[in-house]
N, C-alpha and C. Protein backbone atom coordinates (compact mmCIF):
# COMPACT_ATOMS: atom_id res chain seq x y z
N MET A 1 34.82 28.17 -36.36
CA MET A 1 34.19 27.03 -36.95
C MET A 1 33.51 26.18 -35.82
N LEU A 2 34.16 25.98 -34.79
CA LEU A 2 33.54 25.17 -33.70
C LEU A 2 32.36 25.92 -33.11
N ALA A 3 32.47 27.26 -33.05
CA ALA A 3 31.36 28.03 -32.53
C ALA A 3 30.15 27.95 -33.45
N GLU A 4 30.34 27.95 -34.76
CA GLU A 4 29.29 27.84 -35.70
C GLU A 4 28.58 26.47 -35.58
N GLN A 5 29.37 25.39 -35.41
CA GLN A 5 28.80 24.09 -35.27
C GLN A 5 27.99 24.02 -34.00
N LEU A 6 28.49 24.57 -32.93
CA LEU A 6 27.80 24.61 -31.69
C LEU A 6 26.45 25.35 -31.79
N ALA A 7 26.54 26.49 -32.51
CA ALA A 7 25.29 27.29 -32.67
C ALA A 7 24.28 26.51 -33.53
N LYS A 8 24.75 25.81 -34.55
CA LYS A 8 23.80 24.97 -35.44
C LYS A 8 23.21 23.84 -34.55
N THR A 9 24.06 23.19 -33.74
CA THR A 9 23.60 22.12 -32.94
C THR A 9 22.52 22.64 -31.92
N LEU A 10 22.78 23.73 -31.29
CA LEU A 10 21.82 24.32 -30.37
C LEU A 10 20.52 24.70 -31.06
N ALA A 11 20.64 25.26 -32.29
CA ALA A 11 19.43 25.62 -33.05
C ALA A 11 18.65 24.37 -33.41
N ALA A 12 19.29 23.33 -33.80
CA ALA A 12 18.67 22.07 -34.21
C ALA A 12 17.93 21.43 -32.95
N HIS A 13 18.67 21.53 -31.80
CA HIS A 13 18.09 21.03 -30.56
C HIS A 13 16.79 21.82 -30.20
N LYS A 14 16.86 23.09 -30.34
CA LYS A 14 15.72 23.98 -30.04
C LYS A 14 14.52 23.57 -30.95
N ARG A 15 14.83 23.39 -32.26
CA ARG A 15 13.72 23.03 -33.19
C ARG A 15 13.17 21.65 -32.82
N SER A 16 14.02 20.69 -32.46
CA SER A 16 13.48 19.39 -32.07
C SER A 16 12.66 19.42 -30.78
N VAL A 17 13.05 20.29 -29.86
CA VAL A 17 12.23 20.43 -28.61
C VAL A 17 10.87 20.98 -28.99
N GLN A 18 10.89 22.06 -29.88
CA GLN A 18 9.65 22.69 -30.21
C GLN A 18 8.73 21.68 -30.97
N ALA A 19 9.35 20.87 -31.86
CA ALA A 19 8.53 19.90 -32.62
C ALA A 19 7.96 18.84 -31.61
N ARG A 20 8.76 18.43 -30.68
CA ARG A 20 8.24 17.49 -29.72
C ARG A 20 7.07 18.08 -28.88
N ASN A 21 7.24 19.36 -28.44
CA ASN A 21 6.19 20.03 -27.70
C ASN A 21 4.90 20.17 -28.57
N ARG A 22 5.00 20.46 -29.83
CA ARG A 22 3.85 20.52 -30.73
C ARG A 22 3.20 19.14 -30.81
N LEU A 23 4.00 18.11 -30.98
CA LEU A 23 3.40 16.76 -31.01
C LEU A 23 2.69 16.37 -29.78
N LEU A 24 3.27 16.66 -28.57
CA LEU A 24 2.65 16.33 -27.33
C LEU A 24 1.29 17.10 -27.15
N ALA A 25 1.34 18.37 -27.56
CA ALA A 25 0.11 19.26 -27.44
C ALA A 25 -0.96 18.67 -28.38
N HIS A 26 -0.54 18.26 -29.60
CA HIS A 26 -1.52 17.69 -30.55
C HIS A 26 -2.08 16.40 -29.99
N ARG A 27 -1.27 15.55 -29.39
CA ARG A 27 -1.81 14.31 -28.83
C ARG A 27 -2.75 14.60 -27.71
N ALA A 28 -2.40 15.58 -26.81
CA ALA A 28 -3.28 15.92 -25.69
C ALA A 28 -4.65 16.47 -26.17
N ARG A 29 -4.63 17.24 -27.24
CA ARG A 29 -5.90 17.82 -27.72
C ARG A 29 -6.81 16.78 -28.36
N HIS A 30 -6.15 15.78 -28.99
CA HIS A 30 -6.92 14.71 -29.67
C HIS A 30 -7.01 13.40 -28.93
N ASP A 31 -6.64 13.41 -27.67
CA ASP A 31 -6.76 12.20 -26.84
C ASP A 31 -8.20 11.91 -26.52
N MET A 32 -8.73 10.84 -26.97
CA MET A 32 -10.17 10.52 -26.90
C MET A 32 -10.45 9.45 -25.82
N ARG A 33 -9.52 9.22 -24.93
CA ARG A 33 -9.84 8.27 -23.80
C ARG A 33 -10.97 8.91 -22.98
N ASP A 34 -11.80 7.99 -22.47
CA ASP A 34 -13.00 8.50 -21.76
C ASP A 34 -12.71 9.50 -20.64
N TRP A 35 -11.71 9.18 -19.80
CA TRP A 35 -11.42 10.02 -18.68
C TRP A 35 -10.90 11.34 -19.16
N ARG A 36 -10.18 11.43 -20.28
CA ARG A 36 -9.69 12.70 -20.81
C ARG A 36 -10.87 13.54 -21.37
N VAL A 37 -11.77 12.88 -22.04
CA VAL A 37 -12.96 13.57 -22.65
C VAL A 37 -13.76 14.17 -21.50
N ARG A 38 -14.03 13.39 -20.43
CA ARG A 38 -14.81 13.82 -19.29
C ARG A 38 -14.12 15.03 -18.63
N ARG A 39 -12.74 14.90 -18.47
CA ARG A 39 -12.02 15.97 -17.82
C ARG A 39 -12.12 17.27 -18.63
N ARG A 40 -11.97 17.18 -20.02
CA ARG A 40 -12.14 18.34 -20.81
C ARG A 40 -13.53 18.95 -20.68
N GLU A 41 -14.51 18.09 -20.70
CA GLU A 41 -15.92 18.59 -20.54
C GLU A 41 -16.11 19.28 -19.22
N ARG A 42 -15.60 18.72 -18.12
CA ARG A 42 -15.71 19.36 -16.84
C ARG A 42 -14.93 20.61 -16.80
N THR A 43 -13.73 20.69 -17.38
CA THR A 43 -13.00 21.96 -17.42
C THR A 43 -13.80 23.00 -18.18
N ARG A 44 -14.36 22.65 -19.31
CA ARG A 44 -15.13 23.59 -20.07
C ARG A 44 -16.33 24.09 -19.30
N GLN A 45 -17.01 23.17 -18.58
CA GLN A 45 -18.18 23.57 -17.79
C GLN A 45 -17.74 24.55 -16.69
N LEU A 46 -16.61 24.28 -15.98
CA LEU A 46 -16.22 25.18 -14.94
C LEU A 46 -15.83 26.58 -15.49
N ILE A 47 -15.21 26.59 -16.63
CA ILE A 47 -14.84 27.90 -17.30
C ILE A 47 -16.05 28.64 -17.62
N GLU A 48 -17.07 27.96 -18.16
CA GLU A 48 -18.34 28.66 -18.52
C GLU A 48 -19.07 29.19 -17.28
N LEU A 49 -19.06 28.45 -16.19
CA LEU A 49 -19.68 28.87 -14.92
C LEU A 49 -18.89 30.10 -14.38
N GLY A 50 -17.60 30.08 -14.44
CA GLY A 50 -16.88 31.19 -14.02
C GLY A 50 -17.12 32.45 -14.86
N ARG A 51 -17.34 32.29 -16.14
CA ARG A 51 -17.69 33.38 -16.98
C ARG A 51 -19.06 33.96 -16.58
N LEU A 52 -19.98 33.07 -16.16
CA LEU A 52 -21.29 33.64 -15.69
C LEU A 52 -21.13 34.41 -14.41
N ILE A 53 -20.26 33.97 -13.53
CA ILE A 53 -20.00 34.78 -12.36
C ILE A 53 -19.37 36.16 -12.74
N ALA A 54 -18.50 36.18 -13.65
CA ALA A 54 -17.92 37.45 -14.08
C ALA A 54 -18.96 38.26 -14.82
N LYS A 55 -19.82 37.64 -15.64
CA LYS A 55 -20.83 38.36 -16.41
C LYS A 55 -21.83 39.02 -15.52
N ALA A 56 -22.15 38.34 -14.36
CA ALA A 56 -23.06 38.90 -13.40
C ALA A 56 -22.41 40.06 -12.57
N GLU A 57 -21.19 40.24 -12.82
CA GLU A 57 -20.35 41.36 -12.17
C GLU A 57 -20.18 41.07 -10.71
N LEU A 58 -20.31 39.80 -10.30
CA LEU A 58 -20.05 39.44 -8.92
C LEU A 58 -18.66 39.69 -8.44
N ILE A 59 -17.70 39.53 -9.30
CA ILE A 59 -16.28 39.74 -8.99
C ILE A 59 -16.09 41.22 -8.69
N ASP A 60 -16.55 42.09 -9.51
CA ASP A 60 -16.36 43.55 -9.27
C ASP A 60 -17.15 44.04 -8.06
N LEU A 61 -18.43 43.51 -7.95
CA LEU A 61 -19.32 43.99 -6.91
C LEU A 61 -18.85 43.56 -5.54
N THR A 62 -18.14 42.45 -5.42
CA THR A 62 -17.64 41.97 -4.16
C THR A 62 -16.14 42.26 -3.96
N ASP A 63 -15.61 43.03 -4.87
CA ASP A 63 -14.15 43.27 -4.82
C ASP A 63 -13.33 42.02 -4.82
N ASP A 64 -13.76 41.06 -5.58
CA ASP A 64 -13.09 39.75 -5.69
C ASP A 64 -13.00 39.01 -4.32
N ASP A 65 -14.02 39.23 -3.48
CA ASP A 65 -14.05 38.54 -2.20
C ASP A 65 -14.66 37.20 -2.41
N ARG A 66 -13.84 36.15 -2.48
CA ARG A 66 -14.33 34.82 -2.76
C ARG A 66 -15.27 34.27 -1.71
N ALA A 67 -15.00 34.65 -0.45
CA ALA A 67 -15.88 34.24 0.63
C ALA A 67 -17.30 34.74 0.37
N ALA A 68 -17.36 35.99 -0.02
CA ALA A 68 -18.65 36.61 -0.25
C ALA A 68 -19.35 35.98 -1.45
N ILE A 69 -18.62 35.70 -2.48
CA ILE A 69 -19.17 35.04 -3.68
C ILE A 69 -19.68 33.61 -3.31
N TYR A 70 -18.87 32.90 -2.55
CA TYR A 70 -19.26 31.60 -2.08
C TYR A 70 -20.54 31.72 -1.21
N GLY A 71 -20.60 32.71 -0.36
CA GLY A 71 -21.75 32.91 0.46
C GLY A 71 -22.98 33.20 -0.35
N LEU A 72 -22.86 33.97 -1.42
CA LEU A 72 -23.98 34.17 -2.31
C LEU A 72 -24.46 32.88 -2.96
N LEU A 73 -23.53 32.08 -3.33
CA LEU A 73 -23.90 30.85 -4.02
C LEU A 73 -24.56 29.88 -3.00
N ILE A 74 -24.07 29.84 -1.73
CA ILE A 74 -24.66 29.04 -0.70
C ILE A 74 -26.10 29.48 -0.45
N GLU A 75 -26.26 30.84 -0.40
CA GLU A 75 -27.63 31.40 -0.19
C GLU A 75 -28.54 30.97 -1.31
N ALA A 76 -28.10 30.95 -2.56
CA ALA A 76 -28.90 30.48 -3.70
C ALA A 76 -29.18 29.05 -3.53
N ALA A 77 -28.24 28.22 -3.18
CA ALA A 77 -28.48 26.76 -2.95
C ALA A 77 -29.52 26.56 -1.89
N THR A 78 -29.45 27.36 -0.81
CA THR A 78 -30.39 27.19 0.32
C THR A 78 -31.81 27.53 -0.16
N LYS A 79 -31.95 28.55 -1.01
CA LYS A 79 -33.25 28.90 -1.60
C LYS A 79 -33.81 27.73 -2.44
N LEU A 80 -32.91 27.13 -3.19
CA LEU A 80 -33.26 26.05 -4.01
C LEU A 80 -33.71 24.78 -3.24
N LYS A 81 -33.24 24.70 -2.07
CA LYS A 81 -33.65 23.54 -1.24
C LYS A 81 -34.93 23.80 -0.48
N GLY A 82 -35.43 25.03 -0.55
CA GLY A 82 -36.69 25.38 0.11
C GLY A 82 -37.92 24.96 -0.59
N HIS A 83 -39.09 25.28 -0.09
CA HIS A 83 -40.29 24.85 -0.66
C HIS A 83 -40.79 25.64 -1.89
N ASN A 84 -40.18 26.81 -2.11
CA ASN A 84 -40.46 27.68 -3.34
C ASN A 84 -39.46 27.45 -4.45
N ARG A 85 -38.87 26.26 -4.53
CA ARG A 85 -37.80 25.99 -5.45
C ARG A 85 -38.24 26.29 -6.89
N ASP A 86 -39.32 25.74 -7.31
CA ASP A 86 -39.78 25.92 -8.71
C ASP A 86 -40.00 27.42 -9.02
N GLN A 87 -40.64 28.12 -8.08
CA GLN A 87 -40.94 29.51 -8.29
C GLN A 87 -39.64 30.29 -8.37
N GLN A 88 -38.69 30.01 -7.48
CA GLN A 88 -37.38 30.70 -7.46
C GLN A 88 -36.62 30.44 -8.77
N LEU A 89 -36.62 29.17 -9.21
CA LEU A 89 -35.94 28.86 -10.45
C LEU A 89 -36.55 29.61 -11.68
N LEU A 90 -37.84 29.58 -11.66
CA LEU A 90 -38.58 30.29 -12.75
C LEU A 90 -38.18 31.80 -12.75
N LEU A 91 -38.20 32.43 -11.60
CA LEU A 91 -37.76 33.83 -11.47
C LEU A 91 -36.40 34.09 -11.96
N TRP A 92 -35.41 33.27 -11.52
CA TRP A 92 -34.02 33.44 -11.89
C TRP A 92 -33.83 33.09 -13.40
N ARG A 93 -34.56 32.10 -13.87
CA ARG A 93 -34.41 31.76 -15.31
C ARG A 93 -34.93 32.89 -16.19
N ARG A 94 -36.06 33.51 -15.82
CA ARG A 94 -36.61 34.62 -16.60
C ARG A 94 -35.60 35.78 -16.59
N ARG A 95 -35.07 36.08 -15.42
CA ARG A 95 -34.17 37.21 -15.26
C ARG A 95 -32.90 36.95 -16.12
N GLY A 96 -32.39 35.74 -16.06
CA GLY A 96 -31.20 35.37 -16.79
C GLY A 96 -31.45 35.41 -18.31
N THR A 97 -32.62 34.90 -18.74
CA THR A 97 -32.93 34.95 -20.14
C THR A 97 -32.98 36.37 -20.64
N ARG A 98 -33.65 37.22 -19.82
CA ARG A 98 -33.80 38.62 -20.21
C ARG A 98 -32.40 39.29 -20.31
N GLU A 99 -31.54 39.01 -19.42
CA GLU A 99 -30.15 39.60 -19.45
C GLU A 99 -29.38 39.08 -20.64
N PHE A 100 -29.55 37.79 -20.92
CA PHE A 100 -28.85 37.26 -22.15
C PHE A 100 -29.34 37.90 -23.39
N ALA A 101 -30.64 38.11 -23.48
CA ALA A 101 -31.22 38.78 -24.69
C ALA A 101 -30.70 40.22 -24.76
N GLN A 102 -30.68 40.93 -23.62
CA GLN A 102 -30.25 42.31 -23.68
C GLN A 102 -28.72 42.41 -24.11
N ASN A 103 -27.97 41.44 -23.62
CA ASN A 103 -26.54 41.46 -24.01
C ASN A 103 -26.32 41.14 -25.47
N GLN A 104 -27.21 40.28 -26.05
CA GLN A 104 -27.14 39.94 -27.45
C GLN A 104 -27.48 41.20 -28.28
N LEU A 105 -28.54 41.89 -27.83
CA LEU A 105 -28.90 43.15 -28.54
C LEU A 105 -27.83 44.19 -28.44
N ALA A 106 -27.16 44.29 -27.37
CA ALA A 106 -26.14 45.32 -27.19
C ALA A 106 -24.91 44.97 -28.03
N LYS A 107 -24.67 43.73 -28.31
CA LYS A 107 -23.46 43.35 -29.09
C LYS A 107 -23.65 43.62 -30.53
N ARG A 108 -24.91 43.66 -31.03
CA ARG A 108 -25.13 43.83 -32.49
C ARG A 108 -24.80 45.23 -32.88
N PRO A 109 -24.15 45.35 -34.04
CA PRO A 109 -23.81 46.69 -34.55
C PRO A 109 -25.01 47.48 -35.03
């Protein structure tokens, strides 16, 4: 009898902890304070940029060498600081747009 009561108490405690965690998660998702909203937006932006690095296959092509990936990004930033900035952006934008379009066509059944 005591064992049954203990088991019921433990099960009730587990349910209350789960309910509390669900409530806290709900509050975090719907917290609209400015700094929270900005943080979520920044996190989303960083995730999207990481996806672009993966989509460009830079992770596989560099064997996940973060120094090499960082070097590539620094090289791109250096080119954007040069006098051919607009031309370089136009070239990269066209190439990216073309790749996005090809990927969309490949996904269609």
